[in-house]
N, C-alpha and C. Protein backbone atom coordinates (compact mmCIF):
# COMPACT_ATOMS: atom_id res chain seq x y z
N MET A 1 17.80 0.66 -9.63
CA MET A 1 17.38 -0.04 -8.42
C MET A 1 18.63 -0.68 -7.80
N PRO A 2 18.91 -0.44 -6.51
CA PRO A 2 20.06 -1.07 -5.88
C PRO A 2 19.98 -2.59 -5.98
N ASP A 3 21.17 -3.23 -5.97
CA ASP A 3 21.23 -4.69 -6.13
C ASP A 3 20.39 -5.44 -5.11
N GLN A 4 20.40 -5.01 -3.85
CA GLN A 4 19.61 -5.70 -2.81
C GLN A 4 18.13 -5.63 -3.14
N ASN A 5 17.66 -4.48 -3.59
CA ASN A 5 16.24 -4.35 -3.94
C ASN A 5 15.88 -5.25 -5.11
N ARG A 6 16.74 -5.34 -6.11
CA ARG A 6 16.49 -6.20 -7.27
C ARG A 6 16.39 -7.66 -6.82
N LYS A 7 17.32 -8.07 -5.95
CA LYS A 7 17.32 -9.44 -5.43
C LYS A 7 16.04 -9.71 -4.65
N ASP A 8 15.64 -8.73 -3.85
CA ASP A 8 14.44 -8.85 -3.04
C ASP A 8 13.21 -9.03 -3.94
N VAL A 9 13.08 -8.22 -4.98
CA VAL A 9 11.94 -8.30 -5.89
C VAL A 9 11.97 -9.62 -6.66
N ASP A 10 13.15 -10.08 -7.04
CA ASP A 10 13.26 -11.34 -7.78
C ASP A 10 12.78 -12.54 -6.97
N GLN A 11 12.76 -12.42 -5.65
CA GLN A 11 12.32 -13.53 -4.79
C GLN A 11 10.80 -13.59 -4.64
N LEU A 12 10.09 -12.62 -5.14
CA LEU A 12 8.63 -12.63 -5.07
C LEU A 12 8.09 -13.57 -6.14
N SER A 13 7.29 -14.54 -5.72
CA SER A 13 6.82 -15.55 -6.68
C SER A 13 5.48 -15.18 -7.32
N HIS A 14 4.67 -14.35 -6.69
CA HIS A 14 3.34 -14.03 -7.21
C HIS A 14 3.37 -12.87 -8.20
N LEU A 15 4.15 -11.85 -7.88
CA LEU A 15 4.17 -10.63 -8.67
C LEU A 15 4.63 -10.92 -10.09
N GLY A 16 3.80 -10.58 -11.07
CA GLY A 16 4.14 -10.78 -12.47
C GLY A 16 3.91 -12.20 -12.99
N SER A 17 3.50 -13.10 -12.13
CA SER A 17 3.27 -14.48 -12.56
C SER A 17 1.99 -14.57 -13.39
N GLU A 18 2.08 -15.26 -14.50
CA GLU A 18 0.90 -15.51 -15.32
C GLU A 18 0.24 -16.83 -14.95
N ASN A 19 0.83 -17.53 -14.00
CA ASN A 19 0.30 -18.84 -13.59
C ASN A 19 -0.22 -18.79 -12.17
N THR A 20 -0.97 -17.76 -11.85
CA THR A 20 -1.49 -17.58 -10.50
C THR A 20 -2.44 -18.71 -10.15
N VAL A 21 -2.22 -19.28 -8.98
CA VAL A 21 -3.10 -20.33 -8.46
C VAL A 21 -3.85 -19.73 -7.28
N TYR A 22 -5.18 -19.79 -7.34
CA TYR A 22 -6.01 -19.24 -6.27
C TYR A 22 -6.36 -20.36 -5.30
N THR A 23 -6.02 -20.14 -4.04
CA THR A 23 -6.29 -21.11 -2.99
C THR A 23 -7.46 -20.60 -2.17
N PHE A 24 -8.45 -21.45 -1.93
CA PHE A 24 -9.63 -21.02 -1.20
C PHE A 24 -9.73 -21.67 0.17
N GLU A 25 -8.64 -22.19 0.65
CA GLU A 25 -8.53 -22.69 2.02
C GLU A 25 -7.45 -21.83 2.69
N TYR A 26 -7.70 -21.42 3.92
CA TYR A 26 -6.80 -20.52 4.63
C TYR A 26 -5.35 -20.94 4.46
N ASP A 27 -4.53 -20.01 3.97
CA ASP A 27 -3.14 -20.33 3.66
C ASP A 27 -2.23 -19.11 3.85
N PRO A 28 -1.65 -18.96 5.05
CA PRO A 28 -0.78 -17.80 5.28
C PRO A 28 0.53 -17.87 4.50
N THR A 29 0.86 -19.03 3.92
CA THR A 29 2.09 -19.11 3.14
C THR A 29 1.98 -18.34 1.82
N GLN A 30 0.79 -17.87 1.47
CA GLN A 30 0.62 -17.03 0.28
C GLN A 30 1.30 -15.67 0.46
N LEU A 31 1.45 -15.23 1.71
CA LEU A 31 2.01 -13.90 1.97
C LEU A 31 3.49 -13.83 1.65
N GLU A 32 3.89 -12.75 0.98
CA GLU A 32 5.29 -12.49 0.68
C GLU A 32 5.62 -11.05 1.06
N SER A 33 6.87 -10.83 1.40
CA SER A 33 7.30 -9.49 1.78
C SER A 33 8.49 -9.06 0.93
N PHE A 34 8.76 -7.77 0.97
CA PHE A 34 9.94 -7.21 0.32
C PHE A 34 10.50 -6.12 1.22
N GLU A 35 11.71 -5.70 0.95
CA GLU A 35 12.39 -4.72 1.79
C GLU A 35 11.80 -3.32 1.59
N ASN A 36 11.61 -2.62 2.69
CA ASN A 36 11.17 -1.23 2.68
C ASN A 36 12.35 -0.35 2.28
N ASN A 37 12.19 0.44 1.25
CA ASN A 37 13.27 1.34 0.81
C ASN A 37 13.40 2.59 1.68
N HIS A 38 12.45 2.79 2.62
CA HIS A 38 12.48 3.99 3.45
C HIS A 38 12.27 3.63 4.93
N PRO A 39 13.12 2.75 5.48
CA PRO A 39 12.91 2.30 6.87
C PRO A 39 13.15 3.39 7.91
N GLY A 40 13.79 4.47 7.54
CA GLY A 40 14.06 5.56 8.48
C GLY A 40 12.92 6.54 8.62
N ARG A 41 11.83 6.31 7.90
CA ARG A 41 10.70 7.25 7.90
C ARG A 41 9.44 6.53 8.34
N ASP A 42 8.65 7.18 9.20
CA ASP A 42 7.32 6.66 9.53
C ASP A 42 6.35 7.08 8.43
N TYR A 43 5.60 6.13 7.93
CA TYR A 43 4.53 6.42 6.99
C TYR A 43 3.53 5.27 7.00
N PHE A 44 2.30 5.59 6.65
CA PHE A 44 1.24 4.58 6.59
C PHE A 44 1.13 4.03 5.19
N VAL A 45 0.83 2.74 5.11
CA VAL A 45 0.42 2.06 3.89
C VAL A 45 -0.98 1.54 4.17
N LYS A 46 -1.93 1.82 3.28
CA LYS A 46 -3.30 1.38 3.51
C LYS A 46 -3.80 0.58 2.32
N PHE A 47 -4.40 -0.56 2.63
CA PHE A 47 -5.06 -1.39 1.62
C PHE A 47 -6.55 -1.37 1.89
N ASN A 48 -7.33 -1.13 0.85
CA ASN A 48 -8.78 -1.23 0.93
C ASN A 48 -9.16 -2.49 0.18
N CYS A 49 -9.79 -3.42 0.86
CA CYS A 49 -10.07 -4.74 0.31
C CYS A 49 -11.58 -4.98 0.35
N PRO A 50 -12.32 -4.54 -0.69
CA PRO A 50 -13.79 -4.56 -0.64
C PRO A 50 -14.43 -5.90 -0.97
N GLU A 51 -13.64 -6.94 -1.24
CA GLU A 51 -14.22 -8.20 -1.66
C GLU A 51 -13.83 -9.37 -0.76
N PHE A 52 -13.60 -9.11 0.52
CA PHE A 52 -13.22 -10.18 1.44
C PHE A 52 -14.42 -11.08 1.71
N THR A 53 -14.18 -12.37 1.68
CA THR A 53 -15.24 -13.35 1.91
C THR A 53 -14.71 -14.47 2.80
N THR A 54 -15.52 -14.87 3.74
CA THR A 54 -15.24 -16.03 4.57
C THR A 54 -16.58 -16.72 4.85
N LEU A 55 -16.55 -17.82 5.55
CA LEU A 55 -17.78 -18.56 5.82
C LEU A 55 -18.12 -18.55 7.30
N CYS A 56 -19.42 -18.48 7.60
CA CYS A 56 -19.88 -18.63 8.97
C CYS A 56 -19.55 -20.06 9.42
N PRO A 57 -18.90 -20.21 10.58
CA PRO A 57 -18.51 -21.55 11.01
C PRO A 57 -19.70 -22.42 11.44
N LYS A 58 -20.84 -21.81 11.69
CA LYS A 58 -22.02 -22.57 12.11
C LYS A 58 -22.93 -22.94 10.96
N THR A 59 -23.19 -21.97 10.08
CA THR A 59 -24.17 -22.19 9.01
C THR A 59 -23.54 -22.49 7.66
N GLY A 60 -22.26 -22.14 7.50
CA GLY A 60 -21.61 -22.30 6.22
C GLY A 60 -21.98 -21.22 5.21
N GLN A 61 -22.80 -20.25 5.63
CA GLN A 61 -23.19 -19.16 4.73
C GLN A 61 -22.02 -18.19 4.55
N PRO A 62 -21.93 -17.57 3.38
CA PRO A 62 -20.83 -16.62 3.16
C PRO A 62 -21.03 -15.33 3.94
N ASP A 63 -19.92 -14.78 4.39
CA ASP A 63 -19.88 -13.47 5.02
C ASP A 63 -18.99 -12.59 4.15
N PHE A 64 -19.44 -11.37 3.89
CA PHE A 64 -18.74 -10.45 3.02
C PHE A 64 -18.32 -9.23 3.81
N ALA A 65 -17.15 -8.70 3.49
CA ALA A 65 -16.66 -7.52 4.20
C ALA A 65 -15.76 -6.69 3.31
N THR A 66 -15.63 -5.44 3.68
CA THR A 66 -14.52 -4.61 3.22
C THR A 66 -13.53 -4.59 4.37
N LEU A 67 -12.30 -4.94 4.08
CA LEU A 67 -11.23 -4.86 5.08
C LEU A 67 -10.39 -3.64 4.79
N TYR A 68 -10.05 -2.93 5.85
CA TYR A 68 -9.11 -1.81 5.77
C TYR A 68 -7.87 -2.23 6.55
N ILE A 69 -6.77 -2.38 5.86
CA ILE A 69 -5.51 -2.81 6.46
C ILE A 69 -4.54 -1.65 6.34
N SER A 70 -4.08 -1.13 7.47
CA SER A 70 -3.13 -0.02 7.49
C SER A 70 -1.95 -0.40 8.36
N TYR A 71 -0.76 0.01 7.92
CA TYR A 71 0.41 -0.28 8.75
C TYR A 71 1.51 0.74 8.53
N VAL A 72 2.37 0.82 9.55
CA VAL A 72 3.59 1.60 9.47
C VAL A 72 4.71 0.56 9.36
N PRO A 73 5.34 0.45 8.18
CA PRO A 73 6.35 -0.59 8.01
C PRO A 73 7.63 -0.26 8.76
N ASP A 74 8.41 -1.32 8.98
CA ASP A 74 9.76 -1.14 9.47
C ASP A 74 10.69 -1.56 8.33
N LYS A 75 11.25 -2.74 8.41
CA LYS A 75 12.19 -3.19 7.38
C LYS A 75 11.50 -3.93 6.24
N LYS A 76 10.33 -4.51 6.50
CA LYS A 76 9.65 -5.31 5.48
C LYS A 76 8.26 -4.76 5.20
N MET A 77 7.81 -5.03 3.97
CA MET A 77 6.46 -4.63 3.54
C MET A 77 5.79 -5.84 2.91
N VAL A 78 4.47 -5.86 2.95
CA VAL A 78 3.74 -6.96 2.32
C VAL A 78 3.55 -6.64 0.85
N GLU A 79 3.76 -7.64 0.00
CA GLU A 79 3.56 -7.49 -1.44
C GLU A 79 2.06 -7.61 -1.70
N SER A 80 1.50 -6.68 -2.46
CA SER A 80 0.04 -6.57 -2.58
C SER A 80 -0.63 -7.75 -3.27
N LYS A 81 -0.02 -8.33 -4.29
CA LYS A 81 -0.65 -9.49 -4.93
C LYS A 81 -0.67 -10.67 -3.98
N SER A 82 0.38 -10.85 -3.20
CA SER A 82 0.39 -11.94 -2.22
C SER A 82 -0.68 -11.73 -1.16
N LEU A 83 -0.91 -10.46 -0.78
CA LEU A 83 -1.96 -10.14 0.18
C LEU A 83 -3.32 -10.51 -0.41
N LYS A 84 -3.53 -10.17 -1.67
CA LYS A 84 -4.79 -10.50 -2.33
C LYS A 84 -5.01 -12.02 -2.34
N LEU A 85 -3.98 -12.79 -2.69
CA LEU A 85 -4.11 -14.25 -2.72
C LEU A 85 -4.35 -14.81 -1.32
N TYR A 86 -3.67 -14.24 -0.34
CA TYR A 86 -3.88 -14.64 1.06
C TYR A 86 -5.33 -14.38 1.48
N LEU A 87 -5.85 -13.20 1.17
CA LEU A 87 -7.23 -12.89 1.55
C LEU A 87 -8.21 -13.80 0.83
N PHE A 88 -7.92 -14.15 -0.44
CA PHE A 88 -8.76 -15.11 -1.16
C PHE A 88 -8.79 -16.45 -0.43
N SER A 89 -7.71 -16.79 0.25
CA SER A 89 -7.62 -18.10 0.90
C SER A 89 -8.62 -18.25 2.06
N PHE A 90 -9.25 -17.17 2.47
CA PHE A 90 -10.29 -17.25 3.50
C PHE A 90 -11.64 -17.66 2.93
N ARG A 91 -11.74 -17.76 1.61
CA ARG A 91 -13.02 -17.99 0.94
C ARG A 91 -13.82 -19.16 1.52
N ASN A 92 -13.19 -20.26 1.80
CA ASN A 92 -13.88 -21.43 2.34
C ASN A 92 -13.53 -21.69 3.80
N HIS A 93 -12.92 -20.70 4.44
CA HIS A 93 -12.56 -20.85 5.85
C HIS A 93 -13.76 -20.52 6.73
N GLY A 94 -14.05 -21.38 7.64
CA GLY A 94 -15.14 -21.13 8.58
C GLY A 94 -14.61 -20.47 9.84
N GLY A 95 -14.95 -19.23 10.03
CA GLY A 95 -14.50 -18.52 11.22
C GLY A 95 -15.34 -17.29 11.46
N PHE A 96 -15.53 -16.97 12.72
CA PHE A 96 -16.27 -15.76 13.05
C PHE A 96 -15.50 -14.53 12.58
N HIS A 97 -16.20 -13.43 12.39
CA HIS A 97 -15.60 -12.20 11.90
C HIS A 97 -14.39 -11.78 12.74
N GLU A 98 -14.58 -11.80 14.05
CA GLU A 98 -13.53 -11.35 14.96
C GLU A 98 -12.28 -12.23 14.83
N GLU A 99 -12.50 -13.53 14.66
CA GLU A 99 -11.37 -14.46 14.52
C GLU A 99 -10.61 -14.19 13.23
N ALA A 100 -11.33 -13.99 12.13
CA ALA A 100 -10.67 -13.74 10.85
C ALA A 100 -9.79 -12.50 10.93
N VAL A 101 -10.30 -11.42 11.50
CA VAL A 101 -9.53 -10.18 11.58
C VAL A 101 -8.30 -10.36 12.48
N ASN A 102 -8.45 -11.08 13.59
CA ASN A 102 -7.30 -11.34 14.46
C ASN A 102 -6.26 -12.22 13.76
N MET A 103 -6.70 -13.20 12.99
CA MET A 103 -5.77 -14.06 12.26
C MET A 103 -4.96 -13.24 11.26
N ILE A 104 -5.63 -12.32 10.57
CA ILE A 104 -4.94 -11.48 9.59
C ILE A 104 -3.88 -10.63 10.27
N VAL A 105 -4.23 -10.01 11.40
CA VAL A 105 -3.24 -9.22 12.13
C VAL A 105 -2.07 -10.10 12.54
N ASN A 106 -2.34 -11.26 13.12
CA ASN A 106 -1.26 -12.15 13.56
C ASN A 106 -0.33 -12.53 12.41
N ASP A 107 -0.93 -12.89 11.27
CA ASP A 107 -0.12 -13.32 10.13
C ASP A 107 0.72 -12.18 9.55
N LEU A 108 0.15 -10.98 9.49
CA LEU A 108 0.91 -9.84 8.95
C LEU A 108 2.01 -9.39 9.91
N VAL A 109 1.75 -9.47 11.21
CA VAL A 109 2.81 -9.15 12.19
C VAL A 109 3.95 -10.15 12.06
N GLU A 110 3.61 -11.42 11.93
CA GLU A 110 4.65 -12.45 11.78
C GLU A 110 5.45 -12.25 10.49
N LEU A 111 4.78 -11.88 9.41
CA LEU A 111 5.44 -11.69 8.12
C LEU A 111 6.38 -10.49 8.12
N MET A 112 5.89 -9.35 8.62
CA MET A 112 6.61 -8.09 8.44
C MET A 112 7.28 -7.52 9.67
N ASP A 113 6.80 -7.88 10.86
CA ASP A 113 7.23 -7.21 12.09
C ASP A 113 7.12 -5.69 11.93
N PRO A 114 5.89 -5.20 11.62
CA PRO A 114 5.72 -3.76 11.40
C PRO A 114 5.83 -2.98 12.70
N ARG A 115 5.99 -1.69 12.57
CA ARG A 115 5.97 -0.83 13.75
C ARG A 115 4.54 -0.75 14.30
N TYR A 116 3.59 -0.64 13.38
CA TYR A 116 2.18 -0.52 13.76
C TYR A 116 1.35 -1.17 12.66
N LEU A 117 0.22 -1.77 13.08
CA LEU A 117 -0.69 -2.42 12.12
C LEU A 117 -2.10 -2.36 12.67
N GLU A 118 -3.07 -2.13 11.77
CA GLU A 118 -4.47 -2.23 12.17
C GLU A 118 -5.28 -2.82 11.03
N VAL A 119 -6.28 -3.60 11.41
CA VAL A 119 -7.21 -4.18 10.44
C VAL A 119 -8.61 -3.93 10.96
N TRP A 120 -9.44 -3.37 10.10
CA TRP A 120 -10.82 -3.08 10.44
C TRP A 120 -11.69 -3.79 9.42
N GLY A 121 -12.51 -4.71 9.87
CA GLY A 121 -13.43 -5.43 9.00
C GLY A 121 -14.81 -4.83 9.08
N LYS A 122 -15.35 -4.43 7.94
CA LYS A 122 -16.71 -3.88 7.87
C LYS A 122 -17.56 -4.93 7.15
N PHE A 123 -18.19 -5.80 7.94
CA PHE A 123 -18.97 -6.91 7.39
C PHE A 123 -20.39 -6.47 7.07
N THR A 124 -20.92 -7.00 5.98
CA THR A 124 -22.30 -6.71 5.62
C THR A 124 -23.22 -7.45 6.60
N PRO A 125 -24.41 -6.93 6.83
CA PRO A 125 -25.30 -7.53 7.82
C PRO A 125 -25.83 -8.89 7.38
N ARG A 126 -26.02 -9.73 8.36
CA ARG A 126 -26.80 -10.96 8.21
C ARG A 126 -27.68 -11.03 9.43
N GLY A 127 -28.95 -11.32 9.24
CA GLY A 127 -29.87 -11.35 10.36
C GLY A 127 -30.10 -9.99 10.97
N GLY A 128 -29.86 -8.93 10.19
CA GLY A 128 -30.14 -7.58 10.67
C GLY A 128 -29.03 -6.95 11.49
N ILE A 129 -27.87 -7.61 11.60
CA ILE A 129 -26.78 -7.07 12.40
C ILE A 129 -25.49 -7.12 11.58
N SER A 130 -24.78 -5.99 11.57
CA SER A 130 -23.44 -6.00 10.98
C SER A 130 -22.42 -5.99 12.11
N ILE A 131 -21.29 -6.61 11.86
CA ILE A 131 -20.21 -6.70 12.85
C ILE A 131 -18.97 -6.09 12.22
N ASP A 132 -18.33 -5.16 12.93
CA ASP A 132 -17.17 -4.44 12.41
C ASP A 132 -15.98 -4.57 13.37
N PRO A 133 -15.32 -5.73 13.41
CA PRO A 133 -14.20 -5.87 14.34
C PRO A 133 -12.99 -5.03 13.93
N TYR A 134 -12.36 -4.45 14.92
CA TYR A 134 -11.15 -3.63 14.73
C TYR A 134 -10.07 -4.23 15.62
N VAL A 135 -8.93 -4.52 15.03
CA VAL A 135 -7.80 -5.09 15.78
C VAL A 135 -6.57 -4.29 15.41
N ASN A 136 -5.75 -3.96 16.39
CA ASN A 136 -4.50 -3.30 16.06
C ASN A 136 -3.35 -3.86 16.86
N TYR A 137 -2.16 -3.47 16.46
CA TYR A 137 -0.91 -3.94 17.06
C TYR A 137 0.09 -2.81 17.00
N GLY A 138 0.78 -2.58 18.10
CA GLY A 138 1.92 -1.67 18.13
C GLY A 138 3.10 -2.41 18.72
N ARG A 139 4.24 -2.26 18.11
CA ARG A 139 5.42 -2.99 18.57
C ARG A 139 5.65 -2.72 20.06
N PRO A 140 5.72 -3.79 20.86
CA PRO A 140 5.89 -3.64 22.31
C PRO A 140 7.14 -2.84 22.68
N GLY A 141 6.98 -2.01 23.70
CA GLY A 141 8.09 -1.23 24.22
C GLY A 141 8.46 -0.02 23.38
N THR A 142 7.60 0.34 22.42
CA THR A 142 7.88 1.49 21.56
C THR A 142 6.71 2.47 21.61
N LYS A 143 6.90 3.62 20.97
CA LYS A 143 5.82 4.59 20.88
C LYS A 143 4.63 4.03 20.11
N TYR A 144 4.85 3.01 19.30
CA TYR A 144 3.77 2.41 18.52
C TYR A 144 2.83 1.57 19.39
N GLU A 145 3.36 1.04 20.47
CA GLU A 145 2.50 0.36 21.44
C GLU A 145 1.54 1.36 22.07
N GLU A 146 2.05 2.53 22.42
CA GLU A 146 1.20 3.60 22.96
C GLU A 146 0.21 4.09 21.91
N MET A 147 0.67 4.21 20.68
CA MET A 147 -0.20 4.62 19.59
C MET A 147 -1.35 3.63 19.41
N ALA A 148 -1.04 2.34 19.47
CA ALA A 148 -2.07 1.31 19.32
C ALA A 148 -3.11 1.41 20.43
N ALA A 149 -2.66 1.65 21.65
CA ALA A 149 -3.60 1.77 22.77
C ALA A 149 -4.53 2.97 22.56
N LYS A 150 -3.99 4.09 22.12
CA LYS A 150 -4.81 5.28 21.90
C LYS A 150 -5.77 5.09 20.73
N ARG A 151 -5.26 4.52 19.64
CA ARG A 151 -6.13 4.32 18.47
C ARG A 151 -7.25 3.32 18.78
N LEU A 152 -6.97 2.35 19.61
CA LEU A 152 -8.01 1.39 20.00
C LEU A 152 -9.08 2.10 20.81
N LEU A 153 -8.68 2.96 21.73
CA LEU A 153 -9.65 3.67 22.55
C LEU A 153 -10.52 4.63 21.74
N TYR A 154 -9.92 5.26 20.73
CA TYR A 154 -10.61 6.32 20.00
C TYR A 154 -10.96 5.97 18.56
N HIS A 155 -10.79 4.72 18.16
CA HIS A 155 -10.90 4.40 16.73
C HIS A 155 -12.28 4.66 16.15
N ASP A 156 -13.33 4.61 16.93
CA ASP A 156 -14.67 4.76 16.36
C ASP A 156 -15.46 5.86 17.08
N MET A 157 -14.76 6.91 17.47
CA MET A 157 -15.41 8.02 18.17
C MET A 157 -16.38 8.77 17.26
N TYR A 158 -16.09 8.78 15.99
CA TYR A 158 -16.92 9.50 15.02
C TYR A 158 -17.30 8.52 13.91
N PRO A 159 -18.22 7.61 14.20
CA PRO A 159 -18.56 6.60 13.19
C PRO A 159 -19.09 7.23 11.90
N GLU A 160 -18.80 6.54 10.82
CA GLU A 160 -19.23 7.03 9.52
C GLU A 160 -20.74 6.84 9.36
N THR A 161 -21.30 7.58 8.42
CA THR A 161 -22.71 7.38 8.07
C THR A 161 -22.79 6.12 7.24
N ILE A 162 -23.65 5.21 7.64
CA ILE A 162 -23.79 3.96 6.91
C ILE A 162 -24.87 4.15 5.85
N ASP A 163 -24.45 4.16 4.59
CA ASP A 163 -25.43 4.30 3.51
C ASP A 163 -25.22 3.26 2.41
N ASN A 164 -24.30 2.33 2.66
CA ASN A 164 -24.01 1.35 1.63
C ASN A 164 -24.33 -0.08 2.06
N ARG A 165 -25.07 -0.25 3.16
CA ARG A 165 -25.44 -1.60 3.54
C ARG A 165 -26.89 -1.63 3.96
């Protein structure tokens, strides 16, 4: 492993820690990044997060979702354990589904400055309605901005069969 990569990995505080502290109040400082070893190549990284939980800001009842987080990295990538701890931090956060997904996009863009990022929340129904907010970001002034506009327009043209809710 090149020296820079070793230094980068050594700065991660969550990875490999046996003293993990779980925070259940929204905390973007949980997020950590590391250097992308392949910044000259476009590729997607996708996280499937089936245990996302937040609270309804009006009733305090829990809302459950599977989050799909996909991005095309540039120089930085999000460390997966830090992402898990960050998502746990929404546990007692009161926010509407759409707000939570937008907050996640904003925090990940600030952390990594990716070329492209999208987050799709598939929330379980409450009151007979499920809400599936989709938010994306493409770096302004690049082909990724155009990609984001197209993916937003066409992201749900062929919805999946819902058989798990």
